[in-house]
Amino acid sequence: MPFLYEFSEVSAFTKKGTPAIGNPAMICIVDQFPAQELMERAGALLASPMTSFIRRTAYPHVFDIRHFS
């Protein structure tokens, strides 16, 4: 079954305005977290040092994050 999620590659641990020399990470912003097994499988398939799923909460500027490395 294909993944129906959109991932973006970011450079973690960099400051705005500096060259993108940080650690590469794949992120996916979701409304609800997929099943644990699917998130783990996505992390393995993407072969990125870090894959993160990010979900907004009911509180402004507060997010739930699931990391896979």
N, C-alpha and C. Protein backbone atom coordinates (compact mmCIF):
# COMPACT_ATOMS: atom_id res chain seq x y z
N MET A 1 0.84 -1.18 0.00
CA MET A 1 0.00 0.00 0.00
C MET A 1 0.89 1.24 0.00
N PRO A 2 0.67 2.20 -0.90
CA PRO A 2 1.50 3.40 -0.95
C PRO A 2 1.20 4.34 0.21
N PHE A 3 2.19 5.13 0.57
CA PHE A 3 1.99 6.15 1.60
C PHE A 3 1.25 7.32 0.98
N LEU A 4 0.29 7.87 1.70
CA LEU A 4 -0.46 9.01 1.22
C LEU A 4 -0.15 10.24 2.06
N TYR A 5 1.09 10.38 2.45
CA TYR A 5 1.53 11.49 3.28
C TYR A 5 2.61 12.27 2.55
N GLU A 6 2.64 13.56 2.79
CA GLU A 6 3.65 14.42 2.16
C GLU A 6 4.75 14.71 3.18
N PHE A 7 5.98 14.46 2.78
CA PHE A 7 7.14 14.70 3.63
C PHE A 7 7.97 15.83 3.06
N SER A 8 8.58 16.59 3.95
CA SER A 8 9.50 17.66 3.55
C SER A 8 10.84 17.40 4.21
N GLU A 9 11.91 17.73 3.50
CA GLU A 9 13.24 17.58 4.09
C GLU A 9 13.68 18.91 4.66
N VAL A 10 14.14 18.90 5.89
CA VAL A 10 14.63 20.10 6.57
C VAL A 10 16.02 19.83 7.12
N SER A 11 16.72 20.91 7.43
CA SER A 11 18.02 20.80 8.09
C SER A 11 17.82 21.17 9.55
N ALA A 12 17.89 20.18 10.41
CA ALA A 12 17.69 20.41 11.84
C ALA A 12 18.94 21.04 12.46
N PHE A 13 18.74 21.77 13.50
CA PHE A 13 19.82 22.41 14.27
C PHE A 13 20.57 23.46 13.46
N THR A 14 19.87 24.20 12.63
CA THR A 14 20.48 25.33 11.93
C THR A 14 19.78 26.60 12.37
N LYS A 15 20.46 27.72 12.24
CA LYS A 15 19.88 29.02 12.56
C LYS A 15 19.44 29.70 11.28
N LYS A 16 18.38 30.47 11.37
CA LYS A 16 17.88 31.21 10.22
C LYS A 16 18.99 32.10 9.66
N GLY A 17 19.16 32.05 8.35
CA GLY A 17 20.16 32.87 7.70
C GLY A 17 21.53 32.23 7.57
N THR A 18 21.70 31.01 8.10
CA THR A 18 22.99 30.32 7.97
C THR A 18 22.85 29.23 6.92
N PRO A 19 23.97 28.81 6.34
CA PRO A 19 23.90 27.72 5.36
C PRO A 19 23.27 26.47 5.97
N ALA A 20 22.59 25.71 5.16
CA ALA A 20 21.91 24.50 5.63
C ALA A 20 22.93 23.38 5.85
N ILE A 21 23.61 23.42 6.99
CA ILE A 21 24.62 22.41 7.29
C ILE A 21 24.22 21.53 8.46
N GLY A 22 22.97 21.64 8.88
CA GLY A 22 22.50 20.85 10.02
C GLY A 22 22.23 19.42 9.64
N ASN A 23 21.65 18.70 10.56
CA ASN A 23 21.30 17.30 10.33
C ASN A 23 20.06 17.21 9.45
N PRO A 24 20.07 16.40 8.39
CA PRO A 24 18.89 16.26 7.56
C PRO A 24 17.79 15.51 8.31
N ALA A 25 16.56 15.95 8.13
CA ALA A 25 15.42 15.29 8.75
C ALA A 25 14.23 15.37 7.81
N MET A 26 13.41 14.34 7.82
CA MET A 26 12.17 14.34 7.05
C MET A 26 11.03 14.60 8.03
N ILE A 27 10.14 15.52 7.66
CA ILE A 27 9.00 15.81 8.53
C ILE A 27 7.70 15.65 7.77
N CYS A 28 6.66 15.30 8.51
CA CYS A 28 5.33 15.14 7.96
C CYS A 28 4.35 15.75 8.95
N ILE A 29 3.60 16.76 8.52
CA ILE A 29 2.61 17.39 9.38
C ILE A 29 1.27 16.68 9.14
N VAL A 30 0.67 16.19 10.20
CA VAL A 30 -0.55 15.39 10.09
C VAL A 30 -1.64 15.94 11.02
N ASP A 31 -2.90 15.63 10.70
CA ASP A 31 -4.01 15.98 11.58
C ASP A 31 -4.10 14.99 12.75
N GLN A 32 -3.87 13.72 12.43
CA GLN A 32 -3.85 12.65 13.43
C GLN A 32 -2.65 11.75 13.12
N PHE A 33 -2.04 11.21 14.16
CA PHE A 33 -0.90 10.32 13.93
C PHE A 33 -1.36 9.03 13.26
N PRO A 34 -0.62 8.59 12.25
CA PRO A 34 -0.90 7.27 11.68
C PRO A 34 -0.55 6.19 12.71
N ALA A 35 -0.87 4.95 12.38
CA ALA A 35 -0.52 3.84 13.26
C ALA A 35 1.00 3.80 13.48
N GLN A 36 1.40 3.39 14.65
CA GLN A 36 2.83 3.30 15.00
C GLN A 36 3.62 2.53 13.95
N GLU A 37 3.09 1.40 13.52
CA GLU A 37 3.76 0.56 12.52
C GLU A 37 4.00 1.32 11.22
N LEU A 38 3.03 2.10 10.79
CA LEU A 38 3.17 2.86 9.55
C LEU A 38 4.24 3.94 9.71
N MET A 39 4.27 4.63 10.85
CA MET A 39 5.28 5.66 11.06
C MET A 39 6.68 5.05 11.09
N GLU A 40 6.83 3.90 11.74
CA GLU A 40 8.12 3.22 11.78
C GLU A 40 8.55 2.80 10.37
N ARG A 41 7.61 2.28 9.61
CA ARG A 41 7.92 1.83 8.25
C ARG A 41 8.31 3.01 7.36
N ALA A 42 7.62 4.13 7.51
CA ALA A 42 7.96 5.33 6.73
C ALA A 42 9.38 5.77 7.06
N GLY A 43 9.73 5.77 8.34
CA GLY A 43 11.09 6.15 8.74
C GLY A 43 12.13 5.25 8.10
N ALA A 44 11.86 3.96 8.05
CA ALA A 44 12.80 3.01 7.45
C ALA A 44 12.89 3.22 5.94
N LEU A 45 11.77 3.41 5.28
CA LEU A 45 11.77 3.58 3.82
C LEU A 45 12.43 4.87 3.38
N LEU A 46 12.26 5.93 4.16
CA LEU A 46 12.84 7.22 3.79
C LEU A 46 14.35 7.24 4.01
N ALA A 47 14.85 6.37 4.85
CA ALA A 47 16.29 6.24 5.11
C ALA A 47 16.94 7.57 5.46
N SER A 48 16.24 8.37 6.22
CA SER A 48 16.77 9.65 6.70
C SER A 48 17.24 9.45 8.13
N PRO A 49 18.26 10.19 8.58
CA PRO A 49 18.70 10.03 9.97
C PRO A 49 17.57 10.26 10.98
N MET A 50 16.59 11.11 10.61
CA MET A 50 15.47 11.39 11.51
C MET A 50 14.21 11.60 10.68
N THR A 51 13.13 10.95 11.06
CA THR A 51 11.82 11.17 10.46
C THR A 51 10.88 11.55 11.58
N SER A 52 10.16 12.67 11.41
CA SER A 52 9.27 13.15 12.46
C SER A 52 7.87 13.38 11.92
N PHE A 53 6.89 12.99 12.71
CA PHE A 53 5.49 13.28 12.43
C PHE A 53 5.05 14.34 13.44
N ILE A 54 4.43 15.40 12.95
CA ILE A 54 4.08 16.55 13.79
C ILE A 54 2.58 16.78 13.71
N ARG A 55 1.95 16.97 14.88
CA ARG A 55 0.51 17.17 14.95
C ARG A 55 0.23 18.37 15.85
N ARG A 56 -0.65 19.26 15.40
CA ARG A 56 -1.07 20.39 16.23
C ARG A 56 -1.89 19.89 17.41
N THR A 57 -1.90 20.66 18.49
CA THR A 57 -2.75 20.35 19.63
C THR A 57 -3.82 21.45 19.74
N ALA A 58 -4.63 21.37 20.75
CA ALA A 58 -5.67 22.38 20.97
C ALA A 58 -5.08 23.70 21.46
N TYR A 59 -3.81 23.68 21.83
CA TYR A 59 -3.16 24.88 22.36
C TYR A 59 -2.31 25.55 21.28
N PRO A 60 -2.41 26.87 21.13
CA PRO A 60 -1.57 27.56 20.14
C PRO A 60 -0.09 27.34 20.42
N HIS A 61 0.66 27.13 19.38
CA HIS A 61 2.12 26.98 19.45
C HIS A 61 2.57 25.74 20.22
N VAL A 62 1.69 24.76 20.39
CA VAL A 62 2.04 23.51 21.07
C VAL A 62 1.77 22.36 20.10
N PHE A 63 2.75 21.49 19.94
CA PHE A 63 2.65 20.39 18.98
C PHE A 63 3.02 19.07 19.65
N ASP A 64 2.42 17.99 19.17
CA ASP A 64 2.85 16.64 19.53
C ASP A 64 3.78 16.17 18.43
N ILE A 65 4.89 15.54 18.81
CA ILE A 65 5.87 15.10 17.84
C ILE A 65 6.26 13.65 18.11
N ARG A 66 6.34 12.87 17.04
CA ARG A 66 6.83 11.50 17.13
C ARG A 66 8.07 11.41 16.24
N HIS A 67 9.21 11.03 16.82
CA HIS A 67 10.48 10.93 16.11
C HIS A 67 10.85 9.48 15.86
N PHE A 68 11.42 9.24 14.70
CA PHE A 68 11.94 7.90 14.37
C PHE A 68 13.32 8.07 13.75
N SER A 69 14.28 7.31 14.24
CA SER A 69 15.64 7.40 13.68
C SER A 69 16.17 6.02 13.36
